[in-house]
Amino acid sequence: MVKEKITVVNKSGIHMRPATELSKLAAGLSSDIKIISGGMEVNPKSILILMSAGITKGTEIEVICEGETEEQDLKILLEAIAGGLGEE
């Protein structure tokens, strides 16, 4: 298991568009993935569950990956989140 904290940079947080991008990305990875935000643990492979976490700009989240490709998957997710998930 690998994990790392990152701060969400999207000006509107993880709303529908970035949640869709993150969910698509997570669904294509083989690791078991969890995101922890404010004590809430969510599966980012589900758009609705991810949006239910209410992740806003400036929120520090923890991304956890577990599986054979966990290190590569964590890197991919962190880069996407740091890049704004397709938003500026």
N, C-alpha and C. Protein backbone atom coordinates (compact mmCIF):
# COMPACT_ATOMS: atom_id res chain seq x y z
N MET A 1 0.85 -1.19 0.00
CA MET A 1 0.00 0.00 0.00
C MET A 1 0.89 1.24 0.00
N VAL A 2 0.54 2.18 -0.86
CA VAL A 2 1.22 3.47 -0.88
C VAL A 2 0.17 4.56 -0.75
N LYS A 3 0.57 5.68 -0.15
CA LYS A 3 -0.37 6.78 0.02
C LYS A 3 0.38 8.09 0.06
N GLU A 4 -0.33 9.14 -0.32
CA GLU A 4 0.26 10.47 -0.28
C GLU A 4 -0.85 11.51 -0.20
N LYS A 5 -0.54 12.61 0.47
CA LYS A 5 -1.50 13.71 0.57
C LYS A 5 -1.22 14.72 -0.52
N ILE A 6 -2.30 15.36 -0.99
CA ILE A 6 -2.20 16.39 -2.03
C ILE A 6 -3.33 17.38 -1.81
N THR A 7 -3.10 18.62 -2.18
CA THR A 7 -4.12 19.66 -2.05
C THR A 7 -4.80 19.87 -3.40
N VAL A 8 -6.13 19.90 -3.37
CA VAL A 8 -6.93 20.10 -4.59
C VAL A 8 -6.78 21.54 -5.06
N VAL A 9 -6.44 21.72 -6.34
CA VAL A 9 -6.19 23.06 -6.87
C VAL A 9 -7.32 23.61 -7.73
N ASN A 10 -8.27 22.78 -8.12
CA ASN A 10 -9.38 23.25 -8.96
C ASN A 10 -10.14 24.36 -8.25
N LYS A 11 -10.42 25.45 -8.96
CA LYS A 11 -11.08 26.58 -8.30
C LYS A 11 -12.48 26.24 -7.79
N SER A 12 -13.13 25.26 -8.39
CA SER A 12 -14.45 24.85 -7.91
C SER A 12 -14.41 23.50 -7.21
N GLY A 13 -13.22 23.02 -6.90
CA GLY A 13 -13.09 21.72 -6.24
C GLY A 13 -13.38 20.58 -7.19
N ILE A 14 -13.73 19.45 -6.62
CA ILE A 14 -14.02 18.28 -7.47
C ILE A 14 -15.53 18.18 -7.65
N HIS A 15 -16.01 18.95 -8.63
CA HIS A 15 -17.42 18.93 -9.01
C HIS A 15 -17.58 17.97 -10.19
N MET A 16 -18.64 18.04 -10.94
CA MET A 16 -18.97 17.04 -11.96
C MET A 16 -17.86 16.79 -12.98
N ARG A 17 -17.34 17.82 -13.61
CA ARG A 17 -16.32 17.59 -14.66
C ARG A 17 -15.04 16.95 -14.13
N PRO A 18 -14.40 17.54 -13.11
CA PRO A 18 -13.18 16.89 -12.62
C PRO A 18 -13.45 15.53 -11.96
N ALA A 19 -14.62 15.37 -11.35
CA ALA A 19 -14.97 14.06 -10.77
C ALA A 19 -15.08 13.01 -11.86
N THR A 20 -15.65 13.40 -13.00
CA THR A 20 -15.75 12.49 -14.14
C THR A 20 -14.36 12.10 -14.63
N GLU A 21 -13.48 13.08 -14.77
CA GLU A 21 -12.11 12.81 -15.23
C GLU A 21 -11.38 11.90 -14.25
N LEU A 22 -11.48 12.19 -12.98
CA LEU A 22 -10.79 11.39 -11.97
C LEU A 22 -11.35 9.98 -11.91
N SER A 23 -12.66 9.84 -12.03
CA SER A 23 -13.28 8.52 -12.00
C SER A 23 -12.88 7.68 -13.20
N LYS A 24 -12.85 8.30 -14.38
CA LYS A 24 -12.42 7.58 -15.59
C LYS A 24 -10.98 7.11 -15.43
N LEU A 25 -10.14 7.99 -14.94
CA LEU A 25 -8.73 7.66 -14.75
C LEU A 25 -8.58 6.52 -13.74
N ALA A 26 -9.25 6.64 -12.60
CA ALA A 26 -9.15 5.62 -11.55
C ALA A 26 -9.69 4.27 -12.03
N ALA A 27 -10.77 4.30 -12.80
CA ALA A 27 -11.36 3.06 -13.29
C ALA A 27 -10.42 2.31 -14.23
N GLY A 28 -9.54 3.03 -14.90
CA GLY A 28 -8.59 2.40 -15.81
C GLY A 28 -7.35 1.85 -15.13
N LEU A 29 -7.23 2.06 -13.84
CA LEU A 29 -6.07 1.58 -13.09
C LEU A 29 -6.43 0.30 -12.35
N SER A 30 -5.43 -0.55 -12.14
CA SER A 30 -5.72 -1.86 -11.55
C SER A 30 -5.68 -1.87 -10.02
N SER A 31 -5.13 -0.85 -9.41
CA SER A 31 -5.05 -0.80 -7.94
C SER A 31 -6.42 -0.60 -7.30
N ASP A 32 -6.53 -1.04 -6.05
CA ASP A 32 -7.67 -0.64 -5.22
C ASP A 32 -7.33 0.77 -4.76
N ILE A 33 -8.22 1.72 -5.01
CA ILE A 33 -7.93 3.13 -4.75
C ILE A 33 -8.95 3.70 -3.78
N LYS A 34 -8.46 4.49 -2.84
CA LYS A 34 -9.33 5.19 -1.89
C LYS A 34 -8.85 6.63 -1.80
N ILE A 35 -9.79 7.52 -1.59
CA ILE A 35 -9.46 8.91 -1.31
C ILE A 35 -10.09 9.24 0.04
N ILE A 36 -9.28 9.83 0.91
CA ILE A 36 -9.78 10.24 2.22
C ILE A 36 -9.80 11.76 2.27
N SER A 37 -10.96 12.29 2.61
CA SER A 37 -11.15 13.74 2.71
C SER A 37 -12.03 14.03 3.92
N GLY A 38 -11.49 14.80 4.86
CA GLY A 38 -12.27 15.17 6.04
C GLY A 38 -12.80 13.98 6.81
N GLY A 39 -12.02 12.91 6.89
CA GLY A 39 -12.45 11.73 7.61
C GLY A 39 -13.36 10.81 6.83
N MET A 40 -13.74 11.21 5.62
CA MET A 40 -14.61 10.40 4.78
C MET A 40 -13.75 9.64 3.78
N GLU A 41 -13.96 8.35 3.67
CA GLU A 41 -13.22 7.51 2.73
C GLU A 41 -14.12 7.18 1.54
N VAL A 42 -13.65 7.50 0.32
CA VAL A 42 -14.48 7.27 -0.87
C VAL A 42 -13.70 6.49 -1.92
N ASN A 43 -14.44 5.82 -2.76
CA ASN A 43 -13.89 5.11 -3.91
C ASN A 43 -13.99 6.04 -5.11
N PRO A 44 -12.86 6.51 -5.65
CA PRO A 44 -12.93 7.46 -6.76
C PRO A 44 -13.35 6.85 -8.09
N LYS A 45 -13.55 5.55 -8.13
CA LYS A 45 -14.00 4.92 -9.38
C LYS A 45 -15.50 5.17 -9.60
N SER A 46 -16.18 5.72 -8.59
CA SER A 46 -17.60 6.07 -8.70
C SER A 46 -17.73 7.60 -8.65
N ILE A 47 -18.27 8.16 -9.72
CA ILE A 47 -18.43 9.62 -9.81
C ILE A 47 -19.30 10.14 -8.67
N LEU A 48 -20.43 9.49 -8.44
CA LEU A 48 -21.37 9.99 -7.43
C LEU A 48 -20.79 9.90 -6.02
N ILE A 49 -20.11 8.80 -5.73
CA ILE A 49 -19.50 8.67 -4.40
C ILE A 49 -18.40 9.71 -4.24
N LEU A 50 -17.61 9.93 -5.29
CA LEU A 50 -16.54 10.92 -5.24
C LEU A 50 -17.11 12.32 -4.99
N MET A 51 -18.19 12.66 -5.70
CA MET A 51 -18.80 13.98 -5.53
C MET A 51 -19.43 14.14 -4.14
N SER A 52 -19.87 13.03 -3.55
CA SER A 52 -20.50 13.10 -2.23
C SER A 52 -19.52 13.53 -1.14
N ALA A 53 -18.22 13.44 -1.42
CA ALA A 53 -17.22 13.84 -0.43
C ALA A 53 -17.14 15.36 -0.28
N GLY A 54 -17.69 16.11 -1.23
CA GLY A 54 -17.71 17.57 -1.14
C GLY A 54 -16.32 18.19 -1.09
N ILE A 55 -15.44 17.73 -1.96
CA ILE A 55 -14.05 18.19 -1.95
C ILE A 55 -13.96 19.55 -2.65
N THR A 56 -13.54 20.57 -1.92
CA THR A 56 -13.45 21.92 -2.45
C THR A 56 -11.99 22.32 -2.68
N LYS A 57 -11.81 23.45 -3.33
CA LYS A 57 -10.46 23.97 -3.57
C LYS A 57 -9.74 24.16 -2.24
N GLY A 58 -8.48 23.76 -2.23
CA GLY A 58 -7.67 23.92 -1.04
C GLY A 58 -7.79 22.77 -0.04
N THR A 59 -8.68 21.82 -0.32
CA THR A 59 -8.84 20.67 0.57
C THR A 59 -7.65 19.73 0.39
N GLU A 60 -7.09 19.30 1.51
CA GLU A 60 -6.02 18.29 1.45
C GLU A 60 -6.67 16.92 1.51
N ILE A 61 -6.38 16.12 0.49
CA ILE A 61 -6.92 14.77 0.44
C ILE A 61 -5.76 13.78 0.49
N GLU A 62 -6.06 12.56 0.90
CA GLU A 62 -5.06 11.50 0.90
C GLU A 62 -5.49 10.47 -0.13
N VAL A 63 -4.57 10.14 -1.04
CA VAL A 63 -4.83 9.14 -2.07
C VAL A 63 -4.09 7.87 -1.67
N ILE A 64 -4.81 6.76 -1.65
CA ILE A 64 -4.24 5.48 -1.25
C ILE A 64 -4.43 4.48 -2.39
N CYS A 65 -3.35 3.81 -2.76
CA CYS A 65 -3.41 2.77 -3.79
C CYS A 65 -2.83 1.48 -3.23
N GLU A 66 -3.48 0.38 -3.57
CA GLU A 66 -3.00 -0.92 -3.13
C GLU A 66 -3.17 -1.91 -4.26
N GLY A 67 -2.07 -2.57 -4.63
CA GLY A 67 -2.11 -3.57 -5.69
C GLY A 67 -0.75 -3.68 -6.37
N GLU A 68 -0.69 -4.49 -7.40
CA GLU A 68 0.58 -4.75 -8.07
C GLU A 68 1.20 -3.50 -8.69
N THR A 69 0.38 -2.59 -9.17
CA THR A 69 0.88 -1.38 -9.83
C THR A 69 0.64 -0.13 -8.98
N GLU A 70 0.60 -0.31 -7.67
CA GLU A 70 0.22 0.78 -6.76
C GLU A 70 1.09 2.02 -6.89
N GLU A 71 2.39 1.87 -7.03
CA GLU A 71 3.27 3.04 -7.11
C GLU A 71 3.03 3.84 -8.39
N GLN A 72 2.90 3.14 -9.51
CA GLN A 72 2.64 3.82 -10.78
C GLN A 72 1.25 4.47 -10.76
N ASP A 73 0.28 3.76 -10.22
CA ASP A 73 -1.08 4.29 -10.17
C ASP A 73 -1.17 5.53 -9.30
N LEU A 74 -0.49 5.51 -8.15
CA LEU A 74 -0.49 6.67 -7.27
C LEU A 74 0.12 7.88 -7.99
N LYS A 75 1.21 7.66 -8.68
CA LYS A 75 1.86 8.75 -9.42
C LYS A 75 0.92 9.33 -10.47
N ILE A 76 0.24 8.49 -11.21
CA ILE A 76 -0.69 8.93 -12.24
C ILE A 76 -1.80 9.79 -11.63
N LEU A 77 -2.39 9.32 -10.54
CA LEU A 77 -3.48 10.06 -9.90
C LEU A 77 -3.01 11.39 -9.33
N LEU A 78 -1.86 11.39 -8.67
CA LEU A 78 -1.34 12.63 -8.10
C LEU A 78 -1.03 13.66 -9.18
N GLU A 79 -0.46 13.23 -10.29
CA GLU A 79 -0.18 14.15 -11.40
C GLU A 79 -1.46 14.74 -11.96
N ALA A 80 -2.48 13.92 -12.10
CA ALA A 80 -3.76 14.40 -12.63
C ALA A 80 -4.42 15.41 -11.69
N ILE A 81 -4.39 15.12 -10.40
CA ILE A 81 -4.99 16.03 -9.41
C ILE A 81 -4.21 17.34 -9.36
N ALA A 82 -2.88 17.24 -9.36
CA ALA A 82 -2.03 18.44 -9.33
C ALA A 82 -2.22 19.28 -10.59
N GLY A 83 -2.56 18.63 -11.69
CA GLY A 83 -2.78 19.32 -12.96
C GLY A 83 -4.17 19.91 -13.11
N GLY A 84 -5.03 19.72 -12.12
CA GLY A 84 -6.37 20.31 -12.16
C GLY A 84 -7.43 19.45 -12.82
N LEU A 85 -7.11 18.21 -13.15
CA LEU A 85 -8.08 17.29 -13.76
C LEU A 85 -8.77 17.89 -14.98
N GLY A 86 -7.98 18.51 -15.84
CA GLY A 86 -8.52 19.05 -17.08
C GLY A 86 -9.08 20.46 -16.98
N GLU A 87 -9.00 21.06 -15.79
CA GLU A 87 -9.47 22.43 -15.62
C GLU A 87 -8.30 23.33 -15.26
N GLU A 88 -8.51 24.61 -15.42
CA GLU A 88 -7.45 25.56 -15.07
C GLU A 88 -7.63 26.09 -13.68
